[in-house]
């Protein structure tokens, strides 16, 4: 069971690295695009209208990606399309992460175990006990 936890942990780390490489930090990219938009607008709309519209489109796409990210993270089925990224949804997503974390398990002796390695052993022992039997029913032995 410990190997399974290690593989899951490794898989999660790989997914986080992939997400950083593919999507990057949308907050920093959004700030950079907004600065570029302000700079273009400061030069005047007449000559830069095409570039300004392009940057506005990129900003809208980044905002949309960030909204989708938080919608998926919060897993709030009731989240209506079009809601903006607010503190409420950040708190909801963080609350879900805390709720899904296993802080400890009680072993066979009734002792509360909190160390990650030992939690894995308690879970492994539980499932080995659950899926093994000392009485084979319906099988005749010769």
Protein backbone atom coordinates (compact mmCIF):
# COMPACT_ATOMS: atom_id res chain seq x y z
CA UNK A 1 0.00 0.00 0.00
CA UNK A 2 2.92 2.30 0.71
CA UNK A 3 4.08 1.86 -2.91
CA UNK A 4 0.64 2.86 -4.13
CA UNK A 5 0.77 6.06 -2.07
CA UNK A 6 4.23 6.82 -3.43
CA UNK A 7 3.05 6.27 -7.01
CA UNK A 8 0.03 8.51 -6.48
CA UNK A 9 2.27 11.18 -4.92
CA UNK A 10 4.69 10.94 -7.88
CA UNK A 11 1.81 11.14 -10.37
CA UNK A 12 0.46 14.25 -8.65
CA UNK A 13 3.88 15.93 -8.74
CA UNK A 14 4.16 15.17 -12.47
CA UNK A 15 0.71 16.63 -13.11
CA UNK A 16 1.56 19.81 -11.19
CA UNK A 17 4.78 20.20 -13.21
CA UNK A 18 2.86 19.63 -16.45
CA UNK A 19 0.26 22.22 -15.46
CA UNK A 20 2.97 24.79 -14.75
CA UNK A 21 4.64 24.11 -18.10
CA UNK A 22 1.46 24.16 -20.18
CA UNK A 23 -0.61 26.82 -18.44
CA UNK A 24 1.97 28.68 -16.37
CA UNK A 25 0.94 31.15 -13.73
CA UNK A 26 -2.12 32.90 -15.17
CA UNK A 27 -1.94 35.66 -12.56
CA UNK A 28 1.50 36.84 -13.75
CA UNK A 29 0.56 36.49 -17.42
CA UNK A 30 -2.67 38.41 -16.80
CA UNK A 31 -0.80 41.24 -15.06
CA UNK A 32 1.69 41.43 -17.95
CA UNK A 33 -1.11 41.58 -20.53
CA UNK A 34 -2.89 44.32 -18.56
CA UNK A 35 0.31 46.38 -18.42
CA UNK A 36 0.76 45.89 -22.18
CA UNK A 37 -2.85 47.02 -22.75
CA UNK A 38 -2.31 50.16 -20.65
CA UNK A 39 0.88 50.94 -22.57
CA UNK A 40 -0.86 50.51 -25.93
CA UNK A 41 -3.84 52.61 -24.82
CA UNK A 42 -1.43 55.30 -23.60
CA UNK A 43 0.04 55.59 -27.10
CA UNK A 44 -3.38 56.21 -28.58
CA UNK A 45 -6.15 54.08 -30.02
CA UNK A 46 -5.89 55.18 -33.65
CA UNK A 47 -2.64 53.48 -34.65
CA UNK A 48 -2.82 50.60 -32.15
CA UNK A 49 -6.45 49.52 -32.41
CA UNK A 50 -5.67 46.10 -33.90
CA UNK A 51 -3.02 45.37 -31.25
CA UNK A 52 -5.28 46.65 -28.45
CA UNK A 53 -8.11 44.34 -29.56
CA UNK A 54 -5.68 41.43 -29.77
CA UNK A 55 -4.41 42.02 -26.20
CA UNK A 56 -7.99 42.43 -24.92
CA UNK A 57 -8.85 39.07 -26.46
CA UNK A 58 -5.82 37.47 -24.78
CA UNK A 59 -6.83 39.00 -21.42
CA UNK A 60 -10.37 37.64 -21.81
CA UNK A 61 -8.97 34.18 -22.65
CA UNK A 62 -6.73 34.22 -19.54
CA UNK A 63 -9.67 35.27 -17.35
CA UNK A 64 -11.75 32.47 -18.85
CA UNK A 65 -8.98 29.90 -18.20
CA UNK A 66 -8.65 31.06 -14.60
CA UNK A 67 -12.41 30.83 -14.07
CA UNK A 68 -12.48 27.30 -15.50
CA UNK A 69 -9.55 26.32 -13.26
CA UNK A 70 -11.35 27.46 -10.10
CA UNK A 71 -14.65 25.94 -11.23
CA UNK A 72 -12.97 22.58 -11.71
CA UNK A 73 -11.05 22.86 -8.45
CA UNK A 74 -14.09 23.68 -6.37
CA UNK A 75 -16.15 20.95 -8.08
CA UNK A 76 -19.21 22.98 -7.30
CA UNK A 77 -21.84 21.49 -9.58
CA UNK A 78 -24.13 24.39 -8.82
CA UNK A 79 -21.60 26.97 -10.03
CA UNK A 80 -23.50 28.79 -12.77
CA UNK A 81 -21.65 29.59 -15.97
CA UNK A 82 -20.30 33.10 -16.04
CA UNK A 83 -19.63 33.63 -12.31
CA UNK A 84 -16.42 35.51 -11.78
CA UNK A 85 -13.39 34.40 -9.81
CA UNK A 86 -14.15 35.59 -6.25
CA UNK A 87 -12.83 34.95 -2.75
CA UNK A 88 -15.86 32.75 -2.11
CA UNK A 89 -14.82 30.24 -4.78
CA UNK A 90 -11.18 30.27 -3.64
CA UNK A 91 -12.34 29.45 -0.11
CA UNK A 92 -14.66 26.73 -1.41
CA UNK A 93 -11.85 25.07 -3.34
CA UNK A 94 -9.46 25.26 -0.37
CA UNK A 95 -12.14 23.87 1.95
CA UNK A 96 -12.62 20.87 -0.34
CA UNK A 97 -8.87 20.19 -0.33
CA UNK A 98 -8.77 20.23 3.49
CA UNK A 99 -11.84 17.97 3.68
CA UNK A 100 -10.27 15.37 1.38
CA UNK A 101 -7.04 15.14 3.40
CA UNK A 102 -6.58 12.14 5.70
CA UNK A 103 -5.06 13.34 8.99
CA UNK A 104 -5.01 9.94 10.66
CA UNK A 105 -6.56 6.49 11.06
CA UNK A 106 -7.36 4.27 14.02
CA UNK A 107 -5.54 0.93 13.93
CA UNK A 108 -6.81 -2.47 15.15
CA UNK A 109 -5.77 -1.66 18.72
CA UNK A 110 -7.77 1.57 18.77
CA UNK A 111 -4.66 3.80 18.58
CA UNK A 112 -4.92 6.98 16.47
CA UNK A 113 -2.09 6.96 13.89
CA UNK A 114 -1.02 10.26 12.29
CA UNK A 115 2.34 9.56 10.59
CA UNK A 116 1.94 9.26 6.83
CA UNK A 117 3.95 6.04 6.53
CA UNK A 118 1.99 4.39 9.35
CA UNK A 119 -1.37 5.57 7.94
CA UNK A 120 -0.50 3.65 4.77
CA UNK A 121 0.26 0.53 6.79
CA UNK A 122 -3.02 0.78 8.74
CA UNK A 123 -4.95 1.13 5.46
CA UNK A 124 -3.05 -1.76 3.90
CA UNK A 125 -3.69 -4.00 6.93
CA UNK A 126 -7.38 -3.11 6.90
CA UNK A 127 -7.85 -4.02 3.25
CA UNK A 128 -5.78 -7.19 3.52
CA UNK A 129 -7.99 -8.25 6.42
CA UNK A 130 -11.16 -7.29 4.53
CA UNK A 131 -10.27 -9.15 1.33
CA UNK A 132 -8.85 -12.30 2.84
CA UNK A 133 -10.74 -15.05 4.61
CA UNK A 134 -9.88 -18.02 6.72
CA UNK A 135 -13.05 -19.88 5.73
CA UNK A 136 -13.53 -20.84 2.11
CA UNK A 137 -17.22 -21.46 1.52
CA UNK A 138 -18.58 -23.56 -1.30
CA UNK A 139 -15.27 -25.26 -2.05
CA UNK A 140 -14.90 -28.91 -1.20
CA UNK A 141 -11.47 -30.08 -0.26
CA UNK A 142 -10.44 -33.61 -1.24
